[in-house]
Amino acid sequence: MDNDKLNAEENALERRVSDYEKTIIINALARTKGNRTTAARLLGTTKRVLTYKVRKYEIDCKQFKCIKEN
């Protein structure tokens, strides 16, 4: 397999994994109304790791504080 094609496929996979991870984090933050400690527990990680990923994906936790549950 051509190196460029292999690199492109690896990059596509990394993008998909990142998109999925971001979606999971956003869903956890929405369920916890932006509470990072509770969201981290829900995700089975630490608040420190979650905070790193929130910054990495530029997620604004404040947007979840006003979400009402159905």
PDB file of N, CA and C in Angstrom:
ATOM      1  N   MET A   1       0.840  -1.180   0.000  1.00  0.00           N
ATOM      2  CA  MET A   1       0.000   0.000   0.000  1.00  0.00           C
ATOM      3  C   MET A   1       0.885   1.243   0.000  1.00  0.00           C
ATOM      4  N   ASP A   2       0.506   2.223  -0.725  1.00  0.00           N
ATOM      5  CA  ASP A   2       1.241   3.474  -0.857  1.00  0.00           C
ATOM      6  C   ASP A   2       1.278   4.220   0.481  1.00  0.00           C
ATOM      7  N   ASN A   3       2.438   4.785   0.822  1.00  0.00           N
ATOM      8  CA  ASN A   3       2.601   5.493   2.103  1.00  0.00           C
ATOM      9  C   ASN A   3       1.637   6.660   2.260  1.00  0.00           C
ATOM     10  N   ASP A   4       1.438   7.433   1.189  1.00  0.00           N
ATOM     11  CA  ASP A   4       0.523   8.575   1.264  1.00  0.00           C
ATOM     12  C   ASP A   4      -0.908   8.116   1.540  1.00  0.00           C
ATOM     13  N   LYS A   5      -1.300   7.037   0.885  1.00  0.00           N
ATOM     14  CA  LYS A   5      -2.657   6.517   1.091  1.00  0.00           C
ATOM     15  C   LYS A   5      -2.819   5.993   2.518  1.00  0.00           C
ATOM     16  N   LEU A   6      -1.791   5.316   3.022  1.00  0.00           N
ATOM     17  CA  LEU A   6      -1.818   4.806   4.383  1.00  0.00           C
ATOM     18  C   LEU A   6      -1.916   5.947   5.394  1.00  0.00           C
ATOM     19  N   ASN A   7      -1.130   7.005   5.185  1.00  0.00           N
ATOM     20  CA  ASN A   7      -1.181   8.168   6.072  1.00  0.00           C
ATOM     21  C   ASN A   7      -2.545   8.846   6.027  1.00  0.00           C
ATOM     22  N   ALA A   8      -3.130   8.938   4.853  1.00  0.00           N
ATOM     23  CA  ALA A   8      -4.454   9.547   4.712  1.00  0.00           C
ATOM     24  C   ALA A   8      -5.502   8.735   5.463  1.00  0.00           C
ATOM     25  N   GLU A   9      -5.412   7.405   5.381  1.00  0.00           N
ATOM     26  CA  GLU A   9      -6.361   6.553   6.097  1.00  0.00           C
ATOM     27  C   GLU A   9      -6.175   6.664   7.605  1.00  0.00           C
ATOM     28  N   GLU A  10      -4.927   6.754   8.054  1.00  0.00           N
ATOM     29  CA  GLU A  10      -4.663   6.921   9.486  1.00  0.00           C
ATOM     30  C   GLU A  10      -5.208   8.255   9.974  1.00  0.00           C
ATOM     31  N   ASN A  11      -5.024   9.311   9.190  1.00  0.00           N
ATOM     32  CA  ASN A  11      -5.546  10.622   9.564  1.00  0.00           C
ATOM     33  C   ASN A  11      -7.067  10.621   9.607  1.00  0.00           C
ATOM     34  N   ALA A  12      -7.683   9.937   8.669  1.00  0.00           N
ATOM     35  CA  ALA A  12      -9.146   9.847   8.658  1.00  0.00           C
ATOM     36  C   ALA A  12      -9.646   9.121   9.898  1.00  0.00           C
ATOM     37  N   LEU A  13      -8.964   8.058  10.286  1.00  0.00           N
ATOM     38  CA  LEU A  13      -9.341   7.318  11.487  1.00  0.00           C
ATOM     39  C   LEU A  13      -9.164   8.187  12.727  1.00  0.00           C
ATOM     40  N   GLU A  14      -8.056   8.887  12.820  1.00  0.00           N
ATOM     41  CA  GLU A  14      -7.819   9.771  13.972  1.00  0.00           C
ATOM     42  C   GLU A  14      -8.898  10.846  14.070  1.00  0.00           C
ATOM     43  N   ARG A  15      -9.299  11.403  12.926  1.00  0.00           N
ATOM     44  CA  ARG A  15     -10.363  12.418  12.924  1.00  0.00           C
ATOM     45  C   ARG A  15     -11.681  11.840  13.411  1.00  0.00           C
ATOM     46  N   ARG A  16     -12.003  10.643  12.947  1.00  0.00           N
ATOM     47  CA  ARG A  16     -13.260  10.008  13.365  1.00  0.00           C
ATOM     48  C   ARG A  16     -13.261   9.686  14.848  1.00  0.00           C
ATOM     49  N   VAL A  17     -12.140   9.183  15.345  1.00  0.00           N
ATOM     50  CA  VAL A  17     -12.030   8.878  16.771  1.00  0.00           C
ATOM     51  C   VAL A  17     -12.149  10.165  17.582  1.00  0.00           C
ATOM     52  N   SER A  18     -11.484  11.218  17.150  1.00  0.00           N
ATOM     53  CA  SER A  18     -11.561  12.502  17.849  1.00  0.00           C
ATOM     54  C   SER A  18     -12.981  13.054  17.843  1.00  0.00           C
ATOM     55  N   ASP A  19     -13.650  12.968  16.692  1.00  0.00           N
ATOM     56  CA  ASP A  19     -15.037  13.453  16.599  1.00  0.00           C
ATOM     57  C   ASP A  19     -15.947  12.679  17.543  1.00  0.00           C
ATOM     58  N   TYR A  20     -15.761  11.355  17.596  1.00  0.00           N
ATOM     59  CA  TYR A  20     -16.576  10.515  18.469  1.00  0.00           C
ATOM     60  C   TYR A  20     -16.298  10.834  19.937  1.00  0.00           C
ATOM     61  N   GLU A  21     -15.026  10.997  20.286  1.00  0.00           N
ATOM     62  CA  GLU A  21     -14.656  11.327  21.659  1.00  0.00           C
ATOM     63  C   GLU A  21     -15.264  12.665  22.068  1.00  0.00           C
ATOM     64  N   LYS A  22     -15.198  13.646  21.183  1.00  0.00           N
ATOM     65  CA  LYS A  22     -15.774  14.956  21.474  1.00  0.00           C
ATOM     66  C   LYS A  22     -17.286  14.847  21.702  1.00  0.00           C
ATOM     67  N   THR A  23     -17.947  14.062  20.869  1.00  0.00           N
ATOM     68  CA  THR A  23     -19.399  13.874  21.010  1.00  0.00           C
ATOM     69  C   THR A  23     -19.744  13.237  22.355  1.00  0.00           C
ATOM     70  N   ILE A  24     -18.982  12.233  22.748  1.00  0.00           N
ATOM     71  CA  ILE A  24     -19.222  11.570  24.031  1.00  0.00           C
ATOM     72  C   ILE A  24     -19.020  12.544  25.190  1.00  0.00           C
ATOM     73  N   ILE A  25     -17.986  13.355  25.112  1.00  0.00           N
ATOM     74  CA  ILE A  25     -17.718  14.343  26.171  1.00  0.00           C
ATOM     75  C   ILE A  25     -18.835  15.367  26.230  1.00  0.00           C
ATOM     76  N   ILE A  26     -19.278  15.851  25.084  1.00  0.00           N
ATOM     77  CA  ILE A  26     -20.371  16.833  25.044  1.00  0.00           C
ATOM     78  C   ILE A  26     -21.646  16.232  25.644  1.00  0.00           C
ATOM     79  N   ASN A  27     -21.939  14.987  25.315  1.00  0.00           N
ATOM     80  CA  ASN A  27     -23.130  14.332  25.877  1.00  0.00           C
ATOM     81  C   ASN A  27     -23.030  14.191  27.397  1.00  0.00           C
ATOM     82  N   ALA A  28     -21.855  13.831  27.891  1.00  0.00           N
ATOM     83  CA  ALA A  28     -21.672  13.698  29.339  1.00  0.00           C
ATOM     84  C   ALA A  28     -21.812  15.055  30.025  1.00  0.00           C
ATOM     85  N   LEU A  29     -21.256  16.090  29.425  1.00  0.00           N
ATOM     86  CA  LEU A  29     -21.375  17.431  30.007  1.00  0.00           C
ATOM     87  C   LEU A  29     -22.820  17.919  29.977  1.00  0.00           C
ATOM     88  N   ALA A  30     -23.537  17.586  28.938  1.00  0.00           N
ATOM     89  CA  ALA A  30     -24.949  17.970  28.857  1.00  0.00           C
ATOM     90  C   ALA A  30     -25.748  17.256  29.947  1.00  0.00           C
ATOM     91  N   ARG A  31     -25.475  15.964  30.153  1.00  0.00           N
ATOM     92  CA  ARG A  31     -26.191  15.196  31.188  1.00  0.00           C
ATOM     93  C   ARG A  31     -25.898  15.719  32.587  1.00  0.00           C
ATOM     94  N   THR A  32     -24.703  16.275  32.785  1.00  0.00           N
ATOM     95  CA  THR A  32     -24.300  16.751  34.118  1.00  0.00           C
ATOM     96  C   THR A  32     -24.375  18.267  34.234  1.00  0.00           C
ATOM     97  N   LYS A  33     -25.005  18.894  33.243  1.00  0.00           N
ATOM     98  CA  LYS A  33     -25.163  20.354  33.215  1.00  0.00           C
ATOM     99  C   LYS A  33     -23.832  21.075  33.371  1.00  0.00           C
ATOM    100  N   GLY A  34     -22.814  20.549  32.703  1.00  0.00           N
ATOM    101  CA  GLY A  34     -21.508  21.198  32.680  1.00  0.00           C
ATOM    102  C   GLY A  34     -20.605  20.886  33.854  1.00  0.00           C
ATOM    103  N   ASN A  35     -21.036  20.009  34.747  1.00  0.00           N
ATOM    104  CA  ASN A  35     -20.222  19.662  35.918  1.00  0.00           C
ATOM    105  C   ASN A  35     -19.132  18.679  35.490  1.00  0.00           C
ATOM    106  N   ARG A  36     -17.895  19.184  35.449  1.00  0.00           N
ATOM    107  CA  ARG A  36     -16.778  18.368  34.959  1.00  0.00           C
ATOM    108  C   ARG A  36     -16.452  17.188  35.871  1.00  0.00           C
ATOM    109  N   THR A  37     -16.571  17.371  37.165  1.00  0.00           N
ATOM    110  CA  THR A  37     -16.265  16.284  38.094  1.00  0.00           C
ATOM    111  C   THR A  37     -17.223  15.125  37.892  1.00  0.00           C
ATOM    112  N   THR A  38     -18.512  15.425  37.824  1.00  0.00           N
ATOM    113  CA  THR A  38     -19.524  14.386  37.632  1.00  0.00           C
ATOM    114  C   THR A  38     -19.415  13.777  36.241  1.00  0.00           C
ATOM    115  N   ALA A  39     -19.146  14.598  35.243  1.00  0.00           N
ATOM    116  CA  ALA A  39     -18.990  14.092  33.877  1.00  0.00           C
ATOM    117  C   ALA A  39     -17.782  13.156  33.790  1.00  0.00           C
ATOM    118  N   ALA A  40     -16.715  13.503  34.465  1.00  0.00           N
ATOM    119  CA  ALA A  40     -15.524  12.648  34.459  1.00  0.00           C
ATOM    120  C   ALA A  40     -15.838  11.289  35.078  1.00  0.00           C
ATOM    121  N   ARG A  41     -16.556  11.296  36.187  1.00  0.00           N
ATOM    122  CA  ARG A  41     -16.953  10.027  36.829  1.00  0.00           C
ATOM    123  C   ARG A  41     -17.825   9.204  35.881  1.00  0.00           C
ATOM    124  N   LEU A  42     -18.757   9.872  35.239  1.00  0.00           N
ATOM    125  CA  LEU A  42     -19.654   9.208  34.296  1.00  0.00           C
ATOM    126  C   LEU A  42     -18.863   8.556  33.154  1.00  0.00           C
ATOM    127  N   LEU A  43     -17.799   9.210  32.732  1.00  0.00           N
ATOM    128  CA  LEU A  43     -16.976   8.704  31.636  1.00  0.00           C
ATOM    129  C   LEU A  43     -15.887   7.741  32.091  1.00  0.00           C
ATOM    130  N   GLY A  44     -15.734   7.584  33.393  1.00  0.00           N
ATOM    131  CA  GLY A  44     -14.720   6.672  33.911  1.00  0.00           C
ATOM    132  C   GLY A  44     -13.310   7.214  33.794  1.00  0.00           C
ATOM    133  N   THR A  45     -13.177   8.524  33.918  1.00  0.00           N
ATOM    134  CA  THR A  45     -11.861   9.158  33.836  1.00  0.00           C
ATOM    135  C   THR A  45     -11.723  10.156  34.975  1.00  0.00           C
ATOM    136  N   THR A  46     -10.662  10.912  34.962  1.00  0.00           N
ATOM    137  CA  THR A  46     -10.441  11.913  36.007  1.00  0.00           C
ATOM    138  C   THR A  46     -10.846  13.296  35.505  1.00  0.00           C
ATOM    139  N   LYS A  47     -11.067  14.187  36.435  1.00  0.00           N
ATOM    140  CA  LYS A  47     -11.398  15.558  36.064  1.00  0.00           C
ATOM    141  C   LYS A  47     -10.238  16.194  35.300  1.00  0.00           C
ATOM    142  N   ARG A  48      -9.029  15.838  35.678  1.00  0.00           N
ATOM    143  CA  ARG A  48      -7.852  16.395  35.010  1.00  0.00           C
ATOM    144  C   ARG A  48      -7.809  15.995  33.528  1.00  0.00           C
ATOM    145  N   VAL A  49      -8.050  14.719  33.249  1.00  0.00           N
ATOM    146  CA  VAL A  49      -8.057  14.246  31.858  1.00  0.00           C
ATOM    147  C   VAL A  49      -9.208  14.896  31.091  1.00  0.00           C
ATOM    148  N   LEU A  50     -10.369  14.960  31.714  1.00  0.00           N
ATOM    149  CA  LEU A  50     -11.522  15.576  31.052  1.00  0.00           C
ATOM    150  C   LEU A  50     -11.249  17.046  30.751  1.00  0.00           C
ATOM    151  N   THR A  51     -10.658  17.760  31.698  1.00  0.00           N
ATOM    152  CA  THR A  51     -10.340  19.168  31.484  1.00  0.00           C
ATOM    153  C   THR A  51      -9.378  19.334  30.308  1.00  0.00           C
ATOM    154  N   TYR A  52      -8.390  18.453  30.221  1.00  0.00           N
ATOM    155  CA  TYR A  52      -7.454  18.488  29.092  1.00  0.00           C
ATOM    156  C   TYR A  52      -8.203  18.328  27.767  1.00  0.00           C
ATOM    157  N   LYS A  53      -9.117  17.371  27.724  1.00  0.00           N
ATOM    158  CA  LYS A  53      -9.845  17.101  26.485  1.00  0.00           C
ATOM    159  C   LYS A  53     -10.850  18.207  26.168  1.00  0.00           C
ATOM    160  N   VAL A  54     -11.442  18.809  27.183  1.00  0.00           N
ATOM    161  CA  VAL A  54     -12.348  19.942  26.974  1.00  0.00           C
ATOM    162  C   VAL A  54     -11.575  21.090  26.319  1.00  0.00           C
ATOM    163  N   ARG A  55     -10.370  21.335  26.789  1.00  0.00           N
ATOM    164  CA  ARG A  55      -9.537  22.378  26.177  1.00  0.00           C
ATOM    165  C   ARG A  55      -9.104  21.982  24.768  1.00  0.00           C
ATOM    166  N   LYS A  56      -8.719  20.725  24.603  1.00  0.00           N
ATOM    167  CA  LYS A  56      -8.271  20.226  23.303  1.00  0.00           C
ATOM    168  C   LYS A  56      -9.345  20.414  22.238  1.00  0.00           C
ATOM    169  N   TYR A  57     -10.587  20.093  22.596  1.00  0.00           N
ATOM    170  CA  TYR A  57     -11.694  20.183  21.652  1.00  0.00           C
ATOM    171  C   TYR A  57     -12.421  21.531  21.716  1.00  0.00           C
ATOM    172  N   GLU A  58     -11.900  22.438  22.530  1.00  0.00           N
ATOM    173  CA  GLU A  58     -12.462  23.791  22.667  1.00  0.00           C
ATOM    174  C   GLU A  58     -13.961  23.754  22.977  1.00  0.00           C
ATOM    175  N   ILE A  59     -14.312  22.971  23.995  1.00  0.00           N
ATOM    176  CA  ILE A  59     -15.699  22.838  24.428  1.00  0.00           C
ATOM    177  C   ILE A  59     -15.959  23.855  25.530  1.00  0.00           C
ATOM    178  N   ASP A  60     -17.036  24.617  25.393  1.00  0.00           N
ATOM    179  CA  ASP A  60     -17.417  25.610  26.401  1.00  0.00           C
ATOM    180  C   ASP A  60     -18.426  24.966  27.358  1.00  0.00           C
ATOM    181  N   CYS A  61     -17.977  24.645  28.556  1.00  0.00           N
ATOM    182  CA  CYS A  61     -18.841  23.965  29.538  1.00  0.00           C
ATOM    183  C   CYS A  61     -19.992  24.840  30.007  1.00  0.00           C
ATOM    184  N   LYS A  62     -19.838  26.144  29.915  1.00  0.00           N
ATOM    185  CA  LYS A  62     -20.892  27.054  30.375  1.00  0.00           C
ATOM    186  C   LYS A  62     -22.181  26.869  29.581  1.00  0.00           C
ATOM    187  N   GLN A  63     -22.061  26.455  28.340  1.00  0.00           N
ATOM    188  CA  GLN A  63     -23.252  26.297  27.501  1.00  0.00           C
ATOM    189  C   GLN A  63     -24.188  25.205  28.009  1.00  0.00           C
ATOM    190  N   PHE A  64     -23.690  24.329  28.862  1.00  0.00           N
ATOM    191  CA  PHE A  64     -24.501  23.208  29.343  1.00  0.00           C
ATOM    192  C   PHE A  64     -25.210  23.509  30.655  1.00  0.00           C
ATOM    193  N   LYS A  65     -24.885  24.590  31.292  1.00  0.00           N
ATOM    194  CA  LYS A  65     -25.460  24.911  32.600  1.00  0.00           C
ATOM    195  C   LYS A  65     -26.947  25.257  32.511  1.00  0.00           C
ATOM    196  N   CYS A  66     -27.401  25.693  31.360  1.00  0.00           N
ATOM    197  CA  CYS A  66     -28.795  26.116  31.216  1.00  0.00           C
ATOM    198  C   CYS A  66     -29.683  25.057  30.551  1.00  0.00           C
ATOM    199  N   ILE A  67     -29.140  23.898  30.280  1.00  0.00           N
ATOM    200  CA  ILE A  67     -29.906  22.843  29.605  1.00  0.00           C
ATOM    201  C   ILE A  67     -30.937  22.261  30.571  1.00  0.00           C
ATOM    202  N   LYS A  68     -32.167  22.177  30.117  1.00  0.00           N
ATOM    203  CA  LYS A  68     -33.245  21.573  30.909  1.00  0.00           C
ATOM    204  C   LYS A  68     -33.467  20.154  30.446  1.00  0.00           C
ATOM    205  N   GLU A  69     -33.700  19.251  31.390  1.00  0.00           N
ATOM    206  CA  GLU A  69     -33.982  17.857  31.053  1.00  0.00           C
ATOM    207  C   GLU A  69     -35.450  17.713  30.724  1.00  0.00           C
ATOM    208  N   ASN A  70     -35.761  16.786  29.834  1.00  0.00           N
ATOM    209  CA  ASN A  70     -37.175  16.546  29.436  1.00  0.00           C
ATOM    210  C   ASN A  70     -37.888  15.731  30.481  1.00  0.00           C
TER     211      ASN A  70
END
